C-alpha atoms as a PDB file:
ATOM      1  CA  GLU A   1     -64.793  66.367 -41.841  1.00  0.00           C
ATOM      2  CA  ARG A   2     -62.078  63.802 -42.529  1.00  0.00           C
ATOM      3  CA  ALA A   3     -64.131  62.495 -45.466  1.00  0.00           C
ATOM      4  CA  LYS A   4     -64.211  66.026 -46.860  1.00  0.00           C
ATOM      5  CA  GLU A   5     -60.416  66.191 -46.611  1.00  0.00           C
ATOM      6  CA  HIS A   6     -60.097  63.000 -48.670  1.00  0.00           C
ATOM      7  CA  PHE A   7     -62.590  64.418 -51.173  1.00  0.00           C
ATOM      8  CA  ALA A   8     -60.657  67.693 -51.489  1.00  0.00           C
ATOM      9  CA  ALA A   9     -57.330  65.880 -51.903  1.00  0.00           C
ATOM     10  CA  LEU A  10     -58.826  63.678 -54.605  1.00  0.00           C
ATOM     11  CA  GLU A  11     -60.292  66.675 -56.411  1.00  0.00           C
ATOM     12  CA  THR A  12     -56.900  68.409 -56.363  1.00  0.00           C
ATOM     13  CA  GLU A  13     -55.211  65.404 -57.956  1.00  0.00           C
ATOM     14  CA  VAL A  14     -57.884  64.968 -60.638  1.00  0.00           C
ATOM     15  CA  VAL A  15     -57.740  68.654 -61.574  1.00  0.00           C
ATOM     16  CA  ALA A  16     -53.943  68.459 -61.843  1.00  0.00           C
ATOM     17  CA  TRP A  17     -54.255  65.405 -64.094  1.00  0.00           C
ATOM     18  CA  VAL A  18     -56.795  67.104 -66.346  1.00  0.00           C
ATOM     19  CA  ALA A  19     -54.437  70.068 -66.717  1.00  0.00           C
ATOM     20  CA  THR A  20     -51.925  67.782 -68.478  1.00  0.00           C
ATOM     21  CA  ASN A  21     -54.339  67.331 -71.430  1.00  0.00           C
ATOM     22  CA  PRO A  22     -54.209  63.573 -70.875  1.00  0.00           C
ATOM     23  CA  ILE A  23     -56.728  62.488 -73.524  1.00  0.00           C
ATOM     24  CA  VAL A  24     -56.518  62.625 -77.313  1.00  0.00           C
ATOM     25  CA  ILE A  25     -59.650  62.306 -79.435  1.00  0.00           C
ATOM     26  CA  LYS A  26     -59.285  61.674 -83.167  1.00  0.00           C
ATOM     27  CA  LYS A  27     -61.639  61.354 -86.102  1.00  0.00           C
ATOM     28  CA  GLU A  28     -61.684  58.091 -88.036  1.00  0.00           C
ATOM     29  CA  LYS A  29     -63.683  56.911 -91.044  1.00  0.00           C
ATOM     30  CA  ASP A  30     -63.983  53.868 -93.237  1.00  0.00           C
ATOM     31  CA  ILE A  31     -62.562  53.851 -96.747  1.00  0.00           C
ATOM     32  CA  GLU A  32     -65.911  54.749 -98.330  1.00  0.00           C
ATOM     33  CA  GLY A  33     -66.624  57.624 -95.960  1.00  0.00           C
ATOM     34  CA  ARG A  34     -69.891  56.043 -94.887  1.00  0.00           C
ATOM     35  CA  ARG A  35     -69.034  55.332 -91.254  1.00  0.00           C
ATOM     36  CA  HIS A  36     -67.263  57.975 -89.149  1.00  0.00           C
ATOM     37  CA  ALA A  37     -66.173  57.757 -85.511  1.00  0.00           C
ATOM     38  CA  LEU A  38     -64.549  59.607 -82.631  1.00  0.00           C
ATOM     39  CA  VAL A  39     -61.826  57.543 -80.990  1.00  0.00           C
ATOM     40  CA  ALA A  40     -60.474  58.497 -77.551  1.00  0.00           C
ATOM     41  CA  GLU A  41     -57.147  57.452 -76.094  1.00  0.00           C
ATOM     42  CA  ILE A  42     -55.666  58.301 -72.700  1.00  0.00           C
ATOM     43  CA  VAL A  43     -52.046  59.262 -73.338  1.00  0.00           C
ATOM     44  CA  ASN A  44     -51.300  60.132 -69.701  1.00  0.00           C
ATOM     45  CA  LEU A  45     -52.796  57.355 -67.586  1.00  0.00           C
ATOM     46  CA  PRO A  46     -54.422  58.499 -64.338  1.00  0.00           C
ATOM     47  CA  PRO A  47     -53.492  56.799 -61.039  1.00  0.00           C
ATOM     48  CA  LEU A  48     -56.861  55.071 -60.777  1.00  0.00           C
ATOM     49  CA  ASN A  49     -55.744  52.621 -58.080  1.00  0.00           C
ATOM     50  CA  ARG A  50     -54.594  55.503 -55.888  1.00  0.00           C
ATOM     51  CA  TRP A  51     -57.827  57.392 -56.496  1.00  0.00           C
ATOM     52  CA  ALA A  52     -59.794  54.258 -55.663  1.00  0.00           C
ATOM     53  CA  LEU A  53     -58.008  54.068 -52.299  1.00  0.00           C
ATOM     54  CA  MET A  54     -58.631  57.758 -51.596  1.00  0.00           C
ATOM     55  CA  SER A  55     -62.293  57.327 -52.525  1.00  0.00           C
ATOM     56  CA  GLY A  56     -62.542  54.269 -50.280  1.00  0.00           C
ATOM     57  CA  ASP A  57     -61.121  56.265 -47.368  1.00  0.00           C
ATOM     58  CA  CYS A  58     -63.728  58.970 -47.970  1.00  0.00           C
ATOM     59  CA  VAL A  59     -66.542  56.409 -48.080  1.00  0.00           C
ATOM     60  CA  HIS A  60     -65.332  54.591 -44.966  1.00  0.00           C
ATOM     61  CA  ASN A  61     -65.053  57.829 -42.993  1.00  0.00           C
ATOM     62  CA  LEU A  62     -68.641  58.694 -43.926  1.00  0.00           C
ATOM     63  CA  ARG A  63     -69.899  55.256 -42.895  1.00  0.00           C
ATOM     64  CA  SER A  64     -67.953  55.465 -39.628  1.00  0.00           C
ATOM     65  CA  ALA A  65     -69.355  58.947 -38.979  1.00  0.00           C
ATOM     66  CA  LEU A  66     -72.868  57.496 -38.820  1.00  0.00           C
ATOM     67  CA  ASP A  67     -71.807  54.829 -36.333  1.00  0.00           C
ATOM     68  CA  SER A  68     -69.912  57.391 -34.259  1.00  0.00           C
ATOM     69  CA  LEU A  69     -72.958  59.632 -34.334  1.00  0.00           C
ATOM     70  CA  LEU A  70     -75.142  56.913 -32.799  1.00  0.00           C
ATOM     71  CA  TYR A  71     -72.488  56.205 -30.188  1.00  0.00           C
ATOM     72  CA  GLY A  72     -72.481  59.891 -29.253  1.00  0.00           C
ATOM     73  CA  ILE A  73     -76.270  59.974 -29.127  1.00  0.00           C
ATOM     74  CA  ALA A  74     -76.317  56.938 -26.845  1.00  0.00           C
ATOM     75  CA  ILE A  75     -73.940  58.703 -24.441  1.00  0.00           C
ATOM     76  CA  HIS A  76     -75.991  61.896 -24.718  1.00  0.00           C
ATOM     77  CA  GLU A  77     -79.281  60.158 -23.921  1.00  0.00           C
ATOM     78  CA  THR A  78     -78.052  57.857 -21.137  1.00  0.00           C
ATOM     79  CA  SER A  79     -75.131  59.846 -19.654  1.00  0.00           C
ATOM     80  CA  LEU A  80     -73.202  56.544 -19.738  1.00  0.00           C
ATOM     81  CA  ASN A  81     -69.775  56.306 -21.348  1.00  0.00           C
ATOM     82  CA  PRO A  82     -69.424  53.698 -22.714  1.00  0.00           C
ATOM     83  CA  PRO A  83     -73.144  53.268 -23.399  1.00  0.00           C
ATOM     84  CA  ARG A  84     -75.012  50.041 -22.872  1.00  0.00           C
ATOM     85  CA  ASP A  85     -74.804  47.517 -25.714  1.00  0.00           C
ATOM     86  CA  GLU A  86     -71.902  49.451 -27.230  1.00  0.00           C
ATOM     87  CA  ALA A  87     -70.653  46.362 -29.105  1.00  0.00           C
ATOM     88  CA  GLN A  88     -73.829  46.048 -31.162  1.00  0.00           C
ATOM     89  CA  LEU A  89     -74.549  49.764 -31.574  1.00  0.00           C
ATOM     90  CA  GLN A  90     -74.439  50.547 -35.314  1.00  0.00           C
ATOM     91  CA  PHE A  91     -76.292  52.683 -37.820  1.00  0.00           C
ATOM     92  CA  PRO A  92     -78.321  50.185 -39.868  1.00  0.00           C
ATOM     93  CA  ILE A  93     -78.449  50.560 -43.657  1.00  0.00           C
ATOM     94  CA  THR A  94     -81.092  48.265 -45.117  1.00  0.00           C
ATOM     95  CA  SER A  95     -82.997  47.848 -48.369  1.00  0.00           C
ATOM     96  CA  SER A  96     -86.491  47.043 -47.037  1.00  0.00           C
ATOM     97  CA  PRO A  97     -88.692  47.446 -43.934  1.00  0.00           C
ATOM     98  CA  ASP A  98     -88.355  43.741 -43.158  1.00  0.00           C
ATOM     99  CA  LYS A  99     -84.555  43.926 -43.214  1.00  0.00           C
ATOM    100  CA  PHE A 100     -84.659  47.051 -41.066  1.00  0.00           C
ATOM    101  CA  ASN A 101     -86.694  45.200 -38.469  1.00  0.00           C
ATOM    102  CA  THR A 102     -84.032  42.484 -38.281  1.00  0.00           C
ATOM    103  CA  GLN A 103     -81.439  45.192 -37.509  1.00  0.00           C
ATOM    104  CA  LYS A 104     -83.444  47.181 -34.962  1.00  0.00           C
ATOM    105  CA  TYR A 105     -81.681  45.410 -32.115  1.00  0.00           C
ATOM    106  CA  ARG A 106     -78.638  47.549 -32.952  1.00  0.00           C
ATOM    107  CA  ILE A 107     -80.475  50.732 -31.954  1.00  0.00           C
ATOM    108  CA  ARG A 108     -82.925  49.437 -29.330  1.00  0.00           C
ATOM    109  CA  THR A 109     -81.243  51.378 -26.493  1.00  0.00           C
ATOM    110  CA  LEU A 110     -81.808  54.697 -28.295  1.00  0.00           C
ATOM    111  CA  SER A 111     -84.938  56.782 -27.821  1.00  0.00           C
ATOM    112  CA  SER A 112     -87.993  56.059 -29.955  1.00  0.00           C
ATOM    113  CA  ALA A 113     -87.647  59.481 -31.607  1.00  0.00           C
ATOM    114  CA  VAL A 114     -84.103  58.676 -32.746  1.00  0.00           C
ATOM    115  CA  GLN A 115     -85.107  55.207 -33.916  1.00  0.00           C
ATOM    116  CA  SER A 116     -87.921  56.755 -35.953  1.00  0.00           C
ATOM    117  CA  GLU A 117     -85.578  59.209 -37.689  1.00  0.00           C
ATOM    118  CA  ILE A 118     -83.106  56.419 -38.457  1.00  0.00           C
ATOM    119  CA  GLU A 119     -85.878  54.442 -40.117  1.00  0.00           C
ATOM    120  CA  LYS A 120     -86.934  57.504 -42.151  1.00  0.00           C
ATOM    121  CA  ALA A 121     -83.338  57.802 -43.395  1.00  0.00           C
ATOM    122  CA  GLN A 122     -83.247  54.244 -44.763  1.00  0.00           C
ATOM    123  CA  PRO A 123     -82.589  53.830 -48.507  1.00  0.00           C
ATOM    124  CA  TYR A 124     -86.027  52.379 -49.258  1.00  0.00           C
ATOM    125  CA  ASN A 125     -87.581  55.619 -47.991  1.00  0.00           C
ATOM    126  CA  ASN A 126     -85.296  57.906 -50.015  1.00  0.00           C
ATOM    127  CA  PRO A 127     -85.129  57.094 -53.739  1.00  0.00           C
ATOM    128  CA  HIS A 128     -82.831  59.059 -56.062  1.00  0.00           C
ATOM    129  CA  PRO A 129     -83.867  60.155 -59.590  1.00  0.00           C
ATOM    130  CA  GLU A 130     -80.708  58.737 -61.223  1.00  0.00           C
ATOM    131  CA  LEU A 131     -78.600  56.803 -58.732  1.00  0.00           C
ATOM    132  CA  PRO A 132     -79.624  54.026 -56.368  1.00  0.00           C
ATOM    133  CA  PRO A 133     -80.726  55.468 -52.983  1.00  0.00           C
ATOM    134  CA  ILE A 134     -77.714  57.430 -51.724  1.00  0.00           C
ATOM    135  CA  LEU A 135     -77.480  55.834 -48.278  1.00  0.00           C
ATOM    136  CA  GLY A 136     -77.661  52.436 -49.980  1.00  0.00           C
ATOM    137  CA  VAL A 137     -74.759  53.450 -52.230  1.00  0.00           C
ATOM    138  CA  LEU A 138     -72.768  54.362 -49.105  1.00  0.00           C
ATOM    139  CA  GLY A 139     -73.423  50.978 -47.513  1.00  0.00           C
ATOM    140  CA  THR A 140     -72.600  49.074 -50.699  1.00  0.00           C
ATOM    141  CA  LEU A 141     -69.391  50.965 -51.476  1.00  0.00           C
ATOM    142  CA  ASP A 142     -68.194  50.644 -47.894  1.00  0.00           C
ATOM    143  CA  ASN A 143     -68.761  46.884 -47.999  1.00  0.00           C
ATOM    144  CA  VAL A 144     -66.879  46.682 -51.306  1.00  0.00           C
ATOM    145  CA  ASP A 145     -64.007  48.720 -49.875  1.00  0.00           C
ATOM    146  CA  LYS A 146     -63.608  46.275 -46.989  1.00  0.00           C
ATOM    147  CA  HIS A 147     -62.641  43.486 -49.386  1.00  0.00           C
ATOM    148  CA  ARG A 148     -61.230  45.197 -52.486  1.00  0.00           C
ATOM    149  CA  THR A 149     -60.637  48.629 -53.945  1.00  0.00           C
ATOM    150  CA  LEU A 150     -63.529  50.487 -55.505  1.00  0.00           C
ATOM    151  CA  THR A 151     -63.821  50.303 -59.285  1.00  0.00           C
ATOM    152  CA  VAL A 152     -62.719  53.746 -60.449  1.00  0.00           C
ATOM    153  CA  VAL A 153     -62.461  54.224 -64.215  1.00  0.00           C
ATOM    154  CA  ALA A 154     -62.069  56.850 -66.913  1.00  0.00           C
ATOM    155  CA  ALA A 155     -65.275  56.916 -68.932  1.00  0.00           C
ATOM    156  CA  VAL A 156     -67.716  58.908 -71.026  1.00  0.00           C
ATOM    157  CA  PRO A 157     -70.800  58.741 -68.808  1.00  0.00           C
ATOM    158  CA  HIS A 158     -72.858  61.491 -70.368  1.00  0.00           C
ATOM    159  CA  ALA A 159     -72.410  62.482 -74.003  1.00  0.00           C
ATOM    160  CA  ALA A 160     -70.226  63.281 -76.958  1.00  0.00           C
ATOM    161  CA  SER A 161     -71.474  65.377 -79.853  1.00  0.00           C
ATOM    162  CA  ILE A 162     -70.656  66.620 -83.335  1.00  0.00           C
ATOM    163  CA  TYR A 163     -71.556  69.984 -84.839  1.00  0.00           C
ATOM    164  CA  ASP A 164     -70.758  72.513 -87.574  1.00  0.00           C
ATOM    165  CA  MET A 165     -70.800  69.813 -90.206  1.00  0.00           C
ATOM    166  CA  VAL A 166     -69.975  71.169 -93.676  1.00  0.00           C
ATOM    167  CA  ASN A 167     -70.830  69.803 -97.123  1.00  0.00           C
ATOM    168  CA  ARG A 168     -73.664  67.835 -95.571  1.00  0.00           C
ATOM    169  CA  GLY A 169     -76.286  68.697 -98.189  1.00  0.00           C
ATOM    170  CA  ASP A 170     -79.296  66.385 -98.062  1.00  0.00           C
ATOM    171  CA  ALA A 171     -77.404  63.547 -96.379  1.00  0.00           C
ATOM    172  CA  THR A 172     -79.103  61.387 -93.743  1.00  0.00           C
ATOM    173  CA  MET A 173     -77.267  60.418 -90.550  1.00  0.00           C
ATOM    174  CA  VAL A 174     -77.572  57.897 -87.751  1.00  0.00           C
ATOM    175  CA  VAL A 175     -75.512  58.775 -84.649  1.00  0.00           C
ATOM    176  CA  SER A 176     -74.567  56.477 -81.736  1.00  0.00           C
ATOM    177  CA  VAL A 177     -72.915  57.626 -78.504  1.00  0.00           C
ATOM    178  CA  TYR A 178     -71.210  55.026 -76.304  1.00  0.00           C
ATOM    179  CA  ARG A 179     -71.164  55.299 -72.507  1.00  0.00           C
ATOM    180  CA  THR A 180     -68.070  53.226 -72.132  1.00  0.00           C
ATOM    181  CA  ILE A 181     -64.816  52.814 -70.213  1.00  0.00           C
ATOM    182  CA  ILE A 182     -61.804  54.242 -72.048  1.00  0.00           C
ATOM    183  CA  SER A 183     -59.268  51.464 -72.548  1.00  0.00           C
ATOM    184  CA  GLY A 184     -56.654  51.859 -75.259  1.00  0.00           C
ATOM    185  CA  LYS A 185     -58.196  53.398 -78.373  1.00  0.00           C
ATOM    186  CA  THR A 186     -61.927  53.424 -77.693  1.00  0.00           C
ATOM    187  CA  GLU A 187     -64.812  54.618 -79.831  1.00  0.00           C
ATOM    188  CA  ILE A 188     -66.984  57.077 -77.964  1.00  0.00           C
ATOM    189  CA  LEU A 189     -69.209  58.137 -80.865  1.00  0.00           C
ATOM    190  CA  SER A 190     -69.936  56.896 -84.374  1.00  0.00           C
ATOM    191  CA  PHE A 191     -72.282  57.837 -87.170  1.00  0.00           C
ATOM    192  CA  THR A 192     -73.180  56.693 -90.646  1.00  0.00           C
ATOM    193  CA  ILE A 193     -73.960  59.106 -93.445  1.00  0.00           C
ATOM    194  CA  GLU A 194     -75.774  58.569 -96.741  1.00  0.00           C
ATOM    195  CA  PRO A 195     -74.558  59.305 -99.293  1.00  0.00           C
ATOM    196  CA  PRO A 196     -71.005  58.571 -98.086  1.00  0.00           C
ATOM    197  CA  ASP A 197     -68.515  61.445 -97.926  1.00  0.00           C
ATOM    198  CA  THR A 198     -64.776  60.868 -97.593  1.00  0.00           C
ATOM    199  CA  ALA A 199     -64.157  64.632 -97.348  1.00  0.00           C
ATOM    200  CA  LEU A 200     -66.689  65.240 -94.590  1.00  0.00           C
ATOM    201  CA  ASP A 201     -65.559  67.859 -92.082  1.00  0.00           C
ATOM    202  CA  TYR A 202     -67.092  68.568 -88.683  1.00  0.00           C
ATOM    203  CA  LYS A 203     -66.300  69.700 -85.152  1.00  0.00           C
ATOM    204  CA  PHE A 204     -66.854  67.700 -81.986  1.00  0.00           C
ATOM    205  CA  GLU A 205     -66.789  67.831 -78.215  1.00  0.00           C
ATOM    206  CA  ALA A 206     -66.784  65.157 -75.543  1.00  0.00           C
ATOM    207  CA  ALA A 207     -66.672  64.965 -71.756  1.00  0.00           C
ATOM    208  CA  ILE A 208     -64.322  62.363 -70.323  1.00  0.00           C
ATOM    209  CA  THR A 209     -64.871  61.968 -66.578  1.00  0.00           C
ATOM    210  CA  ILE A 210     -63.569  59.819 -63.736  1.00  0.00           C
ATOM    211  CA  CYS A 211     -66.334  57.447 -62.656  1.00  0.00           C
ATOM    212  CA  VAL A 212     -67.046  54.890 -59.958  1.00  0.00           C
ATOM    213  CA  ALA A 213     -68.954  51.666 -60.551  1.00  0.00           C
ATOM    214  CA  HIS A 214     -72.146  50.942 -58.609  1.00  0.00           C
ATOM    215  CA  HIS A 215     -75.381  49.020 -58.957  1.00  0.00           C
ATOM    216  CA  PRO A 216     -77.577  50.627 -61.643  1.00  0.00           C
ATOM    217  CA  GLY A 217     -80.226  53.056 -60.481  1.00  0.00           C
ATOM    218  CA  PRO A 218     -83.120  54.632 -62.410  1.00  0.00           C
ATOM    219  CA  SER A 219     -80.683  55.879 -65.081  1.00  0.00           C
ATOM    220  CA  LYS A 220     -79.653  52.241 -65.730  1.00  0.00           C
ATOM    221  CA  SER A 221     -75.999  53.301 -65.786  1.00  0.00           C
ATOM    222  CA  PRO A 222     -73.536  51.001 -63.941  1.00  0.00           C
ATOM    223  CA  PHE A 223     -71.202  53.906 -63.194  1.00  0.00           C
ATOM    224  CA  SER A 224     -71.459  57.627 -62.382  1.00  0.00           C
ATOM    225  CA  GLN A 225     -69.115  60.538 -62.054  1.00  0.00           C
ATOM    226  CA  LEU A 226     -66.970  59.911 -58.980  1.00  0.00           C
ATOM    227  CA  ALA A 227     -67.087  63.489 -57.693  1.00  0.00           C
ATOM    228  CA  THR A 228     -70.879  63.574 -58.023  1.00  0.00           C
ATOM    229  CA  VAL A 229     -71.290  60.345 -56.052  1.00  0.00           C
ATOM    230  CA  LEU A 230     -68.896  61.332 -53.250  1.00  0.00           C
ATOM    231  CA  ALA A 231     -70.453  64.792 -52.946  1.00  0.00           C
ATOM    232  CA  ALA A 232     -73.916  63.210 -52.720  1.00  0.00           C
ATOM    233  CA  LEU A 233     -72.713  60.813 -50.007  1.00  0.00           C
ATOM    234  CA  ILE A 234     -71.236  63.673 -47.971  1.00  0.00           C
ATOM    235  CA  GLU A 235     -74.441  65.680 -48.318  1.00  0.00           C
ATOM    236  CA  GLU A 236     -76.576  62.712 -47.251  1.00  0.00           C
ATOM    237  CA  VAL A 237     -74.504  61.985 -44.141  1.00  0.00           C
ATOM    238  CA  GLU A 238     -74.597  65.659 -43.159  1.00  0.00           C
ATOM    239  CA  ARG A 239     -78.369  65.701 -43.659  1.00  0.00           C
ATOM    240  CA  ILE A 240     -78.824  62.669 -41.419  1.00  0.00           C
ATOM    241  CA  ALA A 241     -76.483  64.093 -38.780  1.00  0.00           C
ATOM    242  CA  ASP A 242     -78.359  67.414 -38.746  1.00  0.00           C
ATOM    243  CA  THR A 243     -81.718  65.633 -38.457  1.00  0.00           C
ATOM    244  CA  LEU A 244     -80.630  63.423 -35.578  1.00  0.00           C
ATOM    245  CA  GLU A 245     -78.892  66.231 -33.745  1.00  0.00           C
ATOM    246  CA  GLY A 246     -82.047  68.285 -34.152  1.00  0.00           C
ATOM    247  CA  THR A 247     -83.969  65.409 -32.573  1.00  0.00           C
ATOM    248  CA  VAL A 248     -81.789  64.993 -29.474  1.00  0.00           C
ATOM    249  CA  GLY A 249     -80.250  68.455 -29.107  1.00  0.00           C
ATOM    250  CA  GLN A 250     -76.665  69.563 -29.614  1.00  0.00           C
ATOM    251  CA  LEU A 251     -74.222  66.804 -28.783  1.00  0.00           C
ATOM    252  CA  GLN A 252     -71.295  67.472 -26.478  1.00  0.00           C
ATOM    253  CA  ASN A 253     -67.928  65.806 -26.829  1.00  0.00           C
ATOM    254  CA  PRO A 254     -67.163  63.384 -24.003  1.00  0.00           C
ATOM    255  CA  VAL A 255     -64.724  64.699 -21.406  1.00  0.00           C
ATOM    256  CA  SER A 256     -61.204  64.001 -22.602  1.00  0.00           C
ATOM    257  CA  LEU A 257     -57.624  64.942 -21.859  1.00  0.00           C
ATOM    258  CA  ASN A 258     -56.887  68.654 -21.631  1.00  0.00           C
ATOM    259  CA  LEU A 259     -54.760  69.089 -24.738  1.00  0.00           C
ATOM    260  CA  SER A 260     -53.030  72.121 -23.264  1.00  0.00           C
ATOM    261  CA  GLN A 261     -51.356  69.698 -20.844  1.00  0.00           C
ATOM    262  CA  ALA A 262     -50.225  67.313 -23.565  1.00  0.00           C
ATOM    263  CA  SER A 263     -47.489  69.356 -25.200  1.00  0.00           C
ATOM    264  CA  HIS A 264     -44.798  67.068 -23.749  1.00  0.00           C
ATOM    265  CA  PHE A 265     -44.997  63.299 -23.545  1.00  0.00           C
ATOM    266  CA  ARG A 266     -42.753  60.275 -23.622  1.00  0.00           C
ATOM    267  CA  ILE A 267     -43.003  56.480 -23.855  1.00  0.00           C
ATOM    268  CA  ASP A 268     -41.758  54.740 -20.698  1.00  0.00           C
ATOM    269  CA  LYS A 269     -39.900  51.424 -20.615  1.00  0.00           C
ATOM    270  CA  ASP A 270     -43.175  49.478 -20.411  1.00  0.00           C
ATOM    271  CA  GLY A 271     -44.535  51.115 -23.554  1.00  0.00           C
ATOM    272  CA  ALA A 272     -46.976  53.399 -21.759  1.00  0.00           C
ATOM    273  CA  THR A 273     -47.475  56.998 -22.849  1.00  0.00           C
ATOM    274  CA  VAL A 274     -46.641  59.409 -20.048  1.00  0.00           C
ATOM    275  CA  ILE A 275     -48.004  62.977 -20.240  1.00  0.00           C
ATOM    276  CA  LYS A 276     -45.826  65.626 -18.665  1.00  0.00           C
ATOM    277  CA  PRO A 277     -47.763  68.881 -18.165  1.00  0.00           C
ATOM    278  CA  THR A 278     -45.935  72.054 -19.173  1.00  0.00           C
END
């Protein structure tokens, strides 16, 4: 749920930035009118470092949710709080059966049914049609976030296009679209036309999106739309949580302080928190 809050806050900021019309796209051509191009420039720079931090918080909360889930399951199955082997208890994320076997010690105190579902959830069992396996993306991004901020960029990950070209006649064209990071004035599309035409007129459209870098998946792209990746990560963690809870039964929160008695508190001279019931 905390990851969803980070996601929603990030979405709000991106939408507000888009509303400022932050990107200008202009037509350019060579002197002969043979080569034409669309050049994009960000005139209102987005706070990419801030968004990288917010994205990292979302990713880390999702990764922590899996570990917390196993901790709760261990309590649920053993009625021990803390559970045995709590220091090594962790949700393994591995890229092959052999690597999973080397990490099974982390879940050896859990029931065989839970261990089986955890193995089914591993990245090597769940390929994605475009991205690397989603759980693998979560593990990789969380490891990156531990040491540096995620690479969040403004890019054209999908397509730009031209249409309604006039005075084209029998001309031949070769069009190239560039999936590239926008930095300064950046070409996002170009085309050559024969015969050349210095008076060529056309319309265009392009989708500039905020992306996050990751290892290439089946699409071969090294980055994908940030919102798409984060939404997929949230969905995957929820799917795993639902599956495991369905395996062990509904989890109960461990007994904790009655919050109705915690409306007044103070810190004593030794630094301890003292609860004063109302």
